[in-house]
């Protein structure tokens, strides 16, 4: 009985920890505004211009139906390769990091990555122009030159006293227009 209780505590603790990843808060992700404060750092201006150019390229393609694989690296139960199918801008199918296929009604239940689209990656990438000397972390982005989407996003430690386990990376390892 004690072992079952311990397992349940560990299980709920892991679920609690995973709720703090970007994956589970996709609905809250929005592209960040470029502010006057952001302009105080030349690297933010460069990052913002690159973001805008890439986002405009992506928008100009008017791609609503696509399929991609993203390798999510983090200290999270959600880490690993996820395959996501998007139709008319909405996720319609996911193949999880464990190989499970999630479709239709299961997506509505809020499975990890259930709303994860290129727009979500752009929202995360928009933090790349929010750097300051006070920030513990920095977001670094590499964009695809053909379509404009963020193909690499890394949250890296900027200060030595920053918690080391809060970093993450997204690598788009496959992209196909449907």
N, C-alpha and C. Protein backbone atom coordinates (compact mmCIF):
# COMPACT_ATOMS: atom_id res chain seq x y z
N UNK A 1 0.81 -1.19 0.00
CA UNK A 1 0.00 0.00 0.00
C UNK A 1 0.87 1.27 0.00
N UNK A 2 1.96 1.24 0.82
CA UNK A 2 2.85 2.39 0.89
C UNK A 2 3.52 2.65 -0.47
N UNK A 3 3.86 1.58 -1.17
CA UNK A 3 4.50 1.73 -2.49
C UNK A 3 3.54 2.35 -3.49
N UNK A 4 2.28 1.98 -3.43
CA UNK A 4 1.27 2.56 -4.33
C UNK A 4 1.12 4.05 -4.05
N UNK A 5 1.07 4.40 -2.78
CA UNK A 5 0.96 5.82 -2.41
C UNK A 5 2.18 6.59 -2.88
N UNK A 6 3.36 6.01 -2.71
CA UNK A 6 4.60 6.67 -3.18
C UNK A 6 4.57 6.85 -4.69
N UNK A 7 4.12 5.83 -5.41
CA UNK A 7 4.04 5.92 -6.87
C UNK A 7 3.04 7.01 -7.29
N UNK A 8 1.91 7.08 -6.61
CA UNK A 8 0.93 8.12 -6.92
C UNK A 8 1.49 9.51 -6.65
N UNK A 9 2.21 9.67 -5.58
CA UNK A 9 2.82 10.97 -5.26
C UNK A 9 3.82 11.35 -6.35
N UNK A 10 4.67 10.42 -6.75
CA UNK A 10 5.65 10.68 -7.82
C UNK A 10 4.93 11.02 -9.11
N UNK A 11 3.89 10.27 -9.45
CA UNK A 11 3.13 10.51 -10.68
C UNK A 11 2.55 11.92 -10.70
N UNK A 12 1.88 12.32 -9.62
CA UNK A 12 1.28 13.65 -9.57
C UNK A 12 2.34 14.75 -9.52
N UNK A 13 3.47 14.47 -8.92
CA UNK A 13 4.57 15.44 -8.90
C UNK A 13 5.09 15.66 -10.32
N UNK A 14 5.24 14.58 -11.10
CA UNK A 14 5.70 14.72 -12.49
C UNK A 14 4.69 15.49 -13.33
N UNK A 15 3.42 15.24 -13.12
CA UNK A 15 2.40 15.98 -13.85
C UNK A 15 2.47 17.46 -13.46
N UNK A 16 2.65 17.74 -12.19
CA UNK A 16 2.77 19.12 -11.71
C UNK A 16 3.97 19.80 -12.36
N UNK A 17 5.12 19.12 -12.38
CA UNK A 17 6.31 19.71 -12.99
C UNK A 17 6.12 19.97 -14.47
N UNK A 18 5.50 19.04 -15.15
CA UNK A 18 5.33 19.21 -16.60
C UNK A 18 4.38 20.35 -16.93
N UNK A 19 3.55 20.75 -16.00
CA UNK A 19 2.62 21.85 -16.27
C UNK A 19 3.33 23.18 -16.42
N UNK A 20 4.61 23.23 -16.06
CA UNK A 20 5.36 24.48 -16.17
C UNK A 20 6.16 24.57 -17.46
N UNK A 21 6.00 23.65 -18.36
CA UNK A 21 6.69 23.74 -19.64
C UNK A 21 5.85 24.56 -20.61
N UNK A 22 6.48 25.05 -21.68
CA UNK A 22 5.74 25.80 -22.68
C UNK A 22 4.66 24.95 -23.32
N UNK A 23 4.88 23.65 -23.40
CA UNK A 23 3.96 22.77 -24.11
C UNK A 23 2.55 22.80 -23.56
N UNK A 24 2.41 22.88 -22.26
CA UNK A 24 1.09 22.79 -21.67
C UNK A 24 0.39 24.13 -21.57
N UNK A 25 1.04 25.20 -21.95
CA UNK A 25 0.45 26.52 -21.87
C UNK A 25 0.38 27.17 -23.24
N UNK A 26 0.22 26.39 -24.27
CA UNK A 26 0.23 26.89 -25.63
C UNK A 26 -0.87 27.92 -25.86
N UNK A 27 -2.04 27.72 -25.25
CA UNK A 27 -3.13 28.67 -25.45
C UNK A 27 -2.77 30.07 -24.96
N UNK A 28 -1.86 30.15 -23.99
CA UNK A 28 -1.48 31.43 -23.42
C UNK A 28 -0.36 32.10 -24.20
N UNK A 29 0.28 31.39 -25.11
CA UNK A 29 1.41 31.96 -25.85
C UNK A 29 0.92 32.99 -26.86
N UNK A 30 1.55 34.14 -26.80
CA UNK A 30 1.25 35.21 -27.75
C UNK A 30 2.56 35.83 -28.20
N UNK A 31 2.57 36.34 -29.40
CA UNK A 31 3.76 37.02 -29.90
C UNK A 31 3.97 38.28 -29.07
N UNK A 32 5.19 38.44 -28.59
CA UNK A 32 5.54 39.55 -27.71
C UNK A 32 5.65 40.86 -28.48
N UNK A 33 5.23 41.93 -27.86
CA UNK A 33 5.36 43.26 -28.45
C UNK A 33 6.80 43.73 -28.28
N UNK A 34 7.28 44.47 -29.25
CA UNK A 34 8.62 45.06 -29.19
C UNK A 34 8.47 46.43 -28.54
N UNK A 35 9.06 46.62 -27.37
CA UNK A 35 8.85 47.83 -26.57
C UNK A 35 10.05 48.77 -26.65
N UNK A 36 9.86 49.95 -26.11
CA UNK A 36 10.95 50.94 -26.02
C UNK A 36 12.11 50.37 -25.19
N UNK A 37 11.79 49.66 -24.12
CA UNK A 37 12.84 49.06 -23.29
C UNK A 37 13.65 48.04 -24.09
N UNK A 38 12.98 47.27 -24.94
CA UNK A 38 13.68 46.29 -25.77
C UNK A 38 14.70 46.96 -26.68
N UNK A 39 14.40 48.17 -27.11
CA UNK A 39 15.29 48.90 -28.02
C UNK A 39 16.61 49.31 -27.36
N UNK A 40 16.69 49.23 -26.04
CA UNK A 40 17.92 49.58 -25.33
C UNK A 40 19.05 48.59 -25.57
N UNK A 41 18.74 47.45 -26.14
CA UNK A 41 19.74 46.40 -26.36
C UNK A 41 19.84 46.11 -27.85
N UNK A 42 20.99 46.43 -28.45
CA UNK A 42 21.15 46.22 -29.90
C UNK A 42 20.83 44.80 -30.35
N UNK A 43 21.15 43.80 -29.53
CA UNK A 43 20.86 42.41 -29.93
C UNK A 43 19.35 42.19 -30.07
N UNK A 44 18.55 42.91 -29.30
CA UNK A 44 17.09 42.79 -29.41
C UNK A 44 16.59 43.37 -30.73
N UNK A 45 17.20 44.45 -31.17
CA UNK A 45 16.81 45.07 -32.44
C UNK A 45 17.09 44.10 -33.58
N UNK A 46 18.27 43.48 -33.55
CA UNK A 46 18.64 42.50 -34.58
C UNK A 46 17.67 41.31 -34.53
N UNK A 47 17.42 40.81 -33.32
CA UNK A 47 16.52 39.66 -33.17
C UNK A 47 15.10 40.00 -33.62
N UNK A 48 14.63 41.19 -33.31
CA UNK A 48 13.29 41.61 -33.71
C UNK A 48 13.17 41.70 -35.24
N UNK A 49 14.16 42.30 -35.87
CA UNK A 49 14.13 42.43 -37.33
C UNK A 49 14.16 41.05 -38.00
N UNK A 50 14.97 40.16 -37.48
CA UNK A 50 15.03 38.80 -38.02
C UNK A 50 13.70 38.09 -37.81
N UNK A 51 13.13 38.24 -36.62
CA UNK A 51 11.82 37.66 -36.33
C UNK A 51 10.78 38.17 -37.32
N UNK A 52 10.71 39.50 -37.48
CA UNK A 52 9.72 40.11 -38.37
C UNK A 52 9.88 39.62 -39.82
N UNK A 53 11.11 39.60 -40.30
CA UNK A 53 11.36 39.13 -41.66
C UNK A 53 10.91 37.68 -41.84
N UNK A 54 11.24 36.85 -40.86
CA UNK A 54 10.89 35.43 -40.94
C UNK A 54 9.39 35.22 -40.80
N UNK A 55 8.77 35.94 -39.88
CA UNK A 55 7.32 35.82 -39.67
C UNK A 55 6.57 36.30 -40.91
N UNK A 56 7.04 37.39 -41.51
CA UNK A 56 6.41 37.88 -42.74
C UNK A 56 6.56 36.88 -43.88
N UNK A 57 7.73 36.23 -43.97
CA UNK A 57 7.93 35.20 -44.99
C UNK A 57 6.95 34.05 -44.76
N UNK A 58 6.83 33.58 -43.51
CA UNK A 58 5.90 32.51 -43.18
C UNK A 58 4.47 32.89 -43.55
N UNK A 59 4.05 34.09 -43.17
CA UNK A 59 2.70 34.55 -43.47
C UNK A 59 2.46 34.67 -44.97
N UNK A 60 3.47 35.09 -45.71
CA UNK A 60 3.31 35.25 -47.16
C UNK A 60 3.07 33.92 -47.86
N UNK A 61 3.52 32.84 -47.27
CA UNK A 61 3.33 31.51 -47.86
C UNK A 61 1.90 31.00 -47.68
N UNK A 62 1.17 31.56 -46.71
CA UNK A 62 -0.22 31.19 -46.44
C UNK A 62 -0.40 29.67 -46.28
N UNK A 63 0.49 29.07 -45.52
CA UNK A 63 0.46 27.63 -45.30
C UNK A 63 -0.45 27.33 -44.12
N UNK A 64 -1.52 26.60 -44.37
CA UNK A 64 -2.45 26.20 -43.31
C UNK A 64 -2.41 24.71 -43.03
N UNK A 65 -1.97 23.93 -44.01
CA UNK A 65 -1.93 22.48 -43.87
C UNK A 65 -0.47 22.02 -43.97
N UNK A 66 0.02 21.48 -42.87
CA UNK A 66 1.41 21.03 -42.84
C UNK A 66 1.59 19.97 -41.76
N UNK A 67 2.74 19.36 -41.83
CA UNK A 67 3.11 18.25 -40.94
C UNK A 67 4.55 18.50 -40.56
N UNK A 68 4.85 18.41 -39.27
CA UNK A 68 6.24 18.60 -38.85
C UNK A 68 6.58 17.73 -37.65
N UNK A 69 7.88 17.52 -37.48
CA UNK A 69 8.40 16.82 -36.31
C UNK A 69 9.27 17.81 -35.56
N UNK A 70 9.06 17.83 -34.25
CA UNK A 70 9.86 18.71 -33.40
C UNK A 70 10.49 17.87 -32.30
N UNK A 71 11.78 18.08 -32.10
CA UNK A 71 12.48 17.44 -31.01
C UNK A 71 12.53 18.45 -29.87
N UNK A 72 11.83 18.15 -28.80
CA UNK A 72 11.75 19.03 -27.63
C UNK A 72 12.73 18.52 -26.59
N UNK A 73 13.70 19.34 -26.26
CA UNK A 73 14.70 18.98 -25.26
C UNK A 73 14.48 19.81 -24.01
N UNK A 74 14.26 19.16 -22.89
CA UNK A 74 14.05 19.83 -21.61
C UNK A 74 14.03 18.78 -20.51
N UNK A 75 14.09 19.25 -19.29
CA UNK A 75 13.91 18.34 -18.17
C UNK A 75 12.41 18.25 -17.91
N UNK A 76 11.75 17.44 -18.72
CA UNK A 76 10.30 17.34 -18.70
C UNK A 76 9.88 15.97 -19.22
N UNK A 77 8.74 15.50 -18.76
CA UNK A 77 8.21 14.24 -19.28
C UNK A 77 7.80 14.38 -20.74
N UNK A 78 7.67 15.62 -21.21
CA UNK A 78 7.27 15.87 -22.60
C UNK A 78 8.46 15.88 -23.56
N UNK A 79 9.67 15.70 -23.06
CA UNK A 79 10.83 15.77 -23.94
C UNK A 79 10.81 14.63 -24.95
N UNK A 80 11.40 14.88 -26.10
CA UNK A 80 11.47 13.87 -27.14
C UNK A 80 10.92 14.39 -28.45
N UNK A 81 10.78 13.49 -29.40
CA UNK A 81 10.31 13.86 -30.73
C UNK A 81 8.79 13.71 -30.79
N UNK A 82 8.13 14.79 -31.22
CA UNK A 82 6.68 14.85 -31.39
C UNK A 82 6.40 15.12 -32.87
N UNK A 83 5.43 14.41 -33.40
CA UNK A 83 5.02 14.61 -34.79
C UNK A 83 3.63 15.23 -34.78
N UNK A 84 3.49 16.36 -35.48
CA UNK A 84 2.27 17.14 -35.41
C UNK A 84 1.72 17.38 -36.80
N UNK A 85 0.42 17.15 -36.98
CA UNK A 85 -0.27 17.35 -38.25
C UNK A 85 -1.26 18.49 -38.08
N UNK A 86 -1.16 19.49 -38.96
CA UNK A 86 -1.99 20.69 -38.86
C UNK A 86 -2.81 20.84 -40.14
N UNK A 87 -4.10 21.06 -39.99
CA UNK A 87 -5.02 21.32 -41.11
C UNK A 87 -5.78 22.61 -40.80
N UNK A 88 -5.81 23.50 -41.78
CA UNK A 88 -6.49 24.79 -41.62
C UNK A 88 -6.06 25.50 -40.33
N UNK A 89 -4.77 25.38 -40.00
CA UNK A 89 -4.21 26.07 -38.84
C UNK A 89 -4.45 25.40 -37.50
N UNK A 90 -5.11 24.24 -37.49
CA UNK A 90 -5.41 23.54 -36.24
C UNK A 90 -4.77 22.17 -36.21
N UNK A 91 -4.30 21.77 -35.04
CA UNK A 91 -3.72 20.44 -34.88
C UNK A 91 -4.82 19.40 -35.00
N UNK A 92 -4.61 18.41 -35.89
CA UNK A 92 -5.61 17.35 -36.09
C UNK A 92 -5.10 15.98 -35.67
N UNK A 93 -3.78 15.88 -35.51
CA UNK A 93 -3.21 14.59 -35.13
C UNK A 93 -1.84 14.83 -34.54
N UNK A 94 -1.52 14.03 -33.51
CA UNK A 94 -0.21 14.08 -32.87
C UNK A 94 0.28 12.65 -32.71
N UNK A 95 1.54 12.46 -32.97
CA UNK A 95 2.21 11.22 -32.58
C UNK A 95 3.18 11.64 -31.48
N UNK A 96 2.93 11.16 -30.26
CA UNK A 96 3.66 11.63 -29.09
C UNK A 96 5.10 11.13 -29.08
N UNK A 97 5.82 11.64 -28.10
CA UNK A 97 7.20 11.22 -27.90
C UNK A 97 7.30 9.75 -27.51
N UNK A 98 6.20 9.13 -27.17
CA UNK A 98 6.16 7.70 -26.83
C UNK A 98 5.54 6.86 -27.94
N UNK A 99 5.18 7.51 -29.08
CA UNK A 99 4.61 6.78 -30.21
C UNK A 99 3.10 6.65 -30.18
N UNK A 100 2.44 7.22 -29.19
CA UNK A 100 0.98 7.17 -29.11
C UNK A 100 0.38 8.14 -30.12
N UNK A 101 -0.69 7.73 -30.80
CA UNK A 101 -1.39 8.58 -31.75
C UNK A 101 -2.58 9.22 -31.04
N UNK A 102 -2.64 10.55 -31.12
CA UNK A 102 -3.74 11.30 -30.50
C UNK A 102 -4.47 12.04 -31.61
N UNK A 103 -5.79 11.83 -31.69
CA UNK A 103 -6.61 12.48 -32.71
C UNK A 103 -7.95 12.88 -32.11
N UNK A 104 -8.70 13.66 -32.84
CA UNK A 104 -10.09 14.02 -32.59
C UNK A 104 -10.40 14.36 -31.14
N UNK A 105 -11.24 13.58 -30.48
CA UNK A 105 -11.74 13.89 -29.13
C UNK A 105 -10.60 13.98 -28.11
N UNK A 106 -9.58 13.16 -28.28
CA UNK A 106 -8.45 13.20 -27.33
C UNK A 106 -7.72 14.54 -27.40
N UNK A 107 -7.67 15.15 -28.58
CA UNK A 107 -7.02 16.46 -28.71
C UNK A 107 -7.77 17.52 -27.91
N UNK A 108 -9.09 17.40 -27.88
CA UNK A 108 -9.93 18.36 -27.16
C UNK A 108 -9.72 18.29 -25.65
N UNK A 109 -9.18 17.19 -25.16
CA UNK A 109 -8.97 17.01 -23.73
C UNK A 109 -7.71 17.74 -23.25
N UNK A 110 -6.99 18.36 -24.14
CA UNK A 110 -5.82 19.13 -23.74
C UNK A 110 -4.54 18.33 -23.61
N UNK A 111 -4.33 17.36 -24.48
CA UNK A 111 -3.08 16.59 -24.47
C UNK A 111 -1.90 17.53 -24.75
N UNK A 112 -0.71 17.19 -24.24
CA UNK A 112 0.46 18.01 -24.56
C UNK A 112 0.61 18.18 -26.07
N UNK A 113 0.97 19.36 -26.49
CA UNK A 113 1.18 19.73 -27.88
C UNK A 113 -0.13 19.73 -28.69
N UNK A 114 -1.29 19.67 -28.04
CA UNK A 114 -2.56 19.60 -28.77
C UNK A 114 -2.89 20.89 -29.52
N UNK A 115 -2.25 21.99 -29.17
CA UNK A 115 -2.45 23.25 -29.89
C UNK A 115 -1.13 23.76 -30.46
N UNK A 116 -0.17 22.90 -30.62
CA UNK A 116 1.17 23.31 -30.99
C UNK A 116 1.31 23.42 -32.51
N UNK A 117 1.39 24.65 -32.98
CA UNK A 117 1.52 24.92 -34.42
C UNK A 117 2.76 25.79 -34.63
N UNK A 118 3.00 26.16 -35.87
CA UNK A 118 4.11 27.08 -36.14
C UNK A 118 3.87 28.43 -35.46
N UNK A 119 2.60 28.82 -35.31
CA UNK A 119 2.29 30.06 -34.58
C UNK A 119 2.80 29.97 -33.15
N UNK A 120 2.70 28.79 -32.55
CA UNK A 120 3.21 28.59 -31.19
C UNK A 120 4.72 28.77 -31.16
N UNK A 121 5.39 28.22 -32.16
CA UNK A 121 6.85 28.39 -32.22
C UNK A 121 7.23 29.86 -32.41
N UNK A 122 6.47 30.58 -33.22
CA UNK A 122 6.73 32.01 -33.38
C UNK A 122 6.52 32.76 -32.06
N UNK A 123 5.51 32.39 -31.31
CA UNK A 123 5.26 33.04 -30.02
C UNK A 123 6.44 32.82 -29.07
N UNK A 124 6.97 31.61 -29.05
CA UNK A 124 8.14 31.34 -28.22
C UNK A 124 9.34 32.10 -28.76
N UNK A 125 9.52 32.11 -30.07
CA UNK A 125 10.65 32.81 -30.71
C UNK A 125 10.60 34.30 -30.44
N UNK A 126 9.41 34.86 -30.23
CA UNK A 126 9.31 36.31 -30.01
C UNK A 126 9.99 36.74 -28.71
N UNK A 127 10.27 35.82 -27.82
CA UNK A 127 11.02 36.17 -26.61
C UNK A 127 12.50 36.44 -26.92
N UNK A 128 12.92 36.17 -28.14
CA UNK A 128 14.33 36.41 -28.52
C UNK A 128 14.68 37.88 -28.52
N UNK A 129 13.70 38.76 -28.59
CA UNK A 129 13.99 40.19 -28.54
C UNK A 129 13.57 40.81 -27.21
N UNK A 130 13.57 39.99 -26.17
CA UNK A 130 13.24 40.44 -24.81
C UNK A 130 14.44 40.30 -23.86
N UNK A 131 15.64 40.35 -24.38
CA UNK A 131 16.83 40.17 -23.56
C UNK A 131 17.20 41.46 -22.83
N UNK A 132 17.79 41.31 -21.66
CA UNK A 132 18.32 42.43 -20.90
C UNK A 132 19.44 41.92 -20.01
N UNK A 133 20.19 42.83 -19.41
CA UNK A 133 21.28 42.37 -18.53
C UNK A 133 20.73 41.76 -17.25
N UNK A 134 19.47 41.98 -16.91
CA UNK A 134 18.85 41.40 -15.72
C UNK A 134 18.36 39.97 -15.96
N UNK A 135 18.16 39.60 -17.19
CA UNK A 135 17.56 38.30 -17.52
C UNK A 135 18.52 37.14 -17.22
N UNK A 136 17.97 36.09 -16.63
CA UNK A 136 18.75 34.90 -16.36
C UNK A 136 19.01 34.09 -17.64
N UNK A 137 18.08 34.19 -18.59
CA UNK A 137 18.13 33.37 -19.79
C UNK A 137 18.03 34.23 -21.04
N UNK A 138 18.40 33.61 -22.14
CA UNK A 138 18.32 34.26 -23.44
C UNK A 138 17.70 33.25 -24.40
N UNK A 139 16.82 33.73 -25.26
CA UNK A 139 16.22 32.88 -26.30
C UNK A 139 16.98 33.13 -27.60
N UNK A 140 17.48 32.06 -28.18
CA UNK A 140 18.22 32.15 -29.45
C UNK A 140 17.43 31.36 -30.49
N UNK A 141 17.24 31.97 -31.67
CA UNK A 141 16.40 31.36 -32.71
C UNK A 141 17.14 31.31 -34.03
N UNK A 142 16.96 30.21 -34.74
CA UNK A 142 17.41 30.06 -36.12
C UNK A 142 16.16 29.80 -36.95
N UNK A 143 15.99 30.56 -38.03
CA UNK A 143 14.80 30.45 -38.87
C UNK A 143 15.11 29.71 -40.16
N UNK A 144 14.10 29.02 -40.68
CA UNK A 144 14.20 28.36 -41.97
C UNK A 144 14.21 29.42 -43.07
N UNK A 145 15.14 29.32 -44.00
CA UNK A 145 15.25 30.34 -45.04
C UNK A 145 14.22 30.19 -46.15
N UNK A 146 13.64 29.00 -46.32
CA UNK A 146 12.65 28.79 -47.39
C UNK A 146 11.23 29.19 -46.97
N UNK A 147 10.85 28.87 -45.73
CA UNK A 147 9.48 29.11 -45.28
C UNK A 147 9.39 30.15 -44.16
N UNK A 148 10.48 30.41 -43.47
CA UNK A 148 10.51 31.41 -42.42
C UNK A 148 10.24 30.91 -41.01
N UNK A 149 9.74 29.69 -40.84
CA UNK A 149 9.39 29.20 -39.50
C UNK A 149 10.65 29.05 -38.63
N UNK A 150 10.48 29.13 -37.30
CA UNK A 150 11.61 28.92 -36.40
C UNK A 150 12.00 27.44 -36.40
N UNK A 151 13.18 27.13 -36.89
CA UNK A 151 13.57 25.72 -36.93
C UNK A 151 14.41 25.31 -35.72
N UNK A 152 14.96 26.29 -35.00
CA UNK A 152 15.65 26.02 -33.74
C UNK A 152 15.35 27.15 -32.77
N UNK A 153 14.93 26.78 -31.57
CA UNK A 153 14.72 27.76 -30.51
C UNK A 153 15.38 27.18 -29.27
N UNK A 154 16.28 27.97 -28.68
CA UNK A 154 16.98 27.51 -27.48
C UNK A 154 16.86 28.57 -26.39
N UNK A 155 16.53 28.13 -25.20
CA UNK A 155 16.56 28.98 -24.01
C UNK A 155 17.84 28.62 -23.28
N UNK A 156 18.79 29.54 -23.28
CA UNK A 156 20.11 29.25 -22.70
C UNK A 156 20.38 30.15 -21.51
N UNK A 157 21.18 29.65 -20.60
CA UNK A 157 21.56 30.39 -19.40
C UNK A 157 22.42 31.58 -19.80
N UNK A 158 22.08 32.72 -19.24
CA UNK A 158 22.82 33.95 -19.51
C UNK A 158 23.63 34.38 -18.28
N UNK A 159 23.22 33.94 -17.09
CA UNK A 159 23.90 34.31 -15.85
C UNK A 159 24.31 33.05 -15.11
N UNK A 160 25.44 33.11 -14.45
CA UNK A 160 25.95 31.94 -13.76
C UNK A 160 25.08 31.51 -12.58
N UNK A 161 24.30 32.41 -12.00
CA UNK A 161 23.45 32.06 -10.86
C UNK A 161 22.02 31.65 -11.26
N UNK A 162 21.80 31.47 -12.56
CA UNK A 162 20.48 31.04 -13.04
C UNK A 162 20.28 29.55 -12.77
N UNK A 163 19.04 29.15 -12.46
CA UNK A 163 18.77 27.71 -12.32
C UNK A 163 19.10 26.98 -13.62
N UNK A 164 19.85 25.92 -13.53
CA UNK A 164 20.34 25.22 -14.73
C UNK A 164 19.28 24.33 -15.38
N UNK A 165 18.24 23.96 -14.65
CA UNK A 165 17.27 23.01 -15.17
C UNK A 165 16.07 23.68 -15.84
N UNK A 166 16.15 24.97 -16.13
CA UNK A 166 15.02 25.67 -16.74
C UNK A 166 15.20 25.92 -18.24
N UNK A 167 16.29 25.47 -18.80
CA UNK A 167 16.51 25.65 -20.22
C UNK A 167 15.69 24.66 -21.04
N UNK A 168 15.57 24.94 -22.32
CA UNK A 168 14.88 24.04 -23.24
C UNK A 168 15.35 24.33 -24.65
N UNK A 169 15.00 23.45 -25.55
CA UNK A 169 15.26 23.67 -26.97
C UNK A 169 14.20 22.96 -27.78
N UNK A 170 13.83 23.59 -28.89
CA UNK A 170 12.94 23.00 -29.88
C UNK A 170 13.73 22.94 -31.19
N UNK A 171 13.78 21.77 -31.79
CA UNK A 171 14.42 21.62 -33.10
C UNK A 171 13.39 21.03 -34.05
N UNK A 172 13.02 21.77 -35.08
CA UNK A 172 12.13 21.25 -36.10
C UNK A 172 13.01 20.40 -37.01
N UNK A 173 12.81 19.10 -36.97
CA UNK A 173 13.69 18.18 -37.71
C UNK A 173 13.07 17.69 -39.02
N UNK A 174 11.80 18.05 -39.22
CA UNK A 174 11.11 17.69 -40.46
C UNK A 174 9.95 18.65 -40.64
N UNK A 175 9.77 19.13 -41.86
CA UNK A 175 8.64 19.99 -42.17
C UNK A 175 8.16 19.68 -43.58
N UNK A 176 6.83 19.55 -43.75
CA UNK A 176 6.26 19.24 -45.05
C UNK A 176 4.92 19.95 -45.19
N UNK A 177 4.76 20.64 -46.30
CA UNK A 177 3.46 21.26 -46.62
C UNK A 177 2.57 20.14 -47.14
N UNK A 178 1.34 20.10 -46.67
CA UNK A 178 0.40 19.04 -47.05
C UNK A 178 -0.47 19.51 -48.20
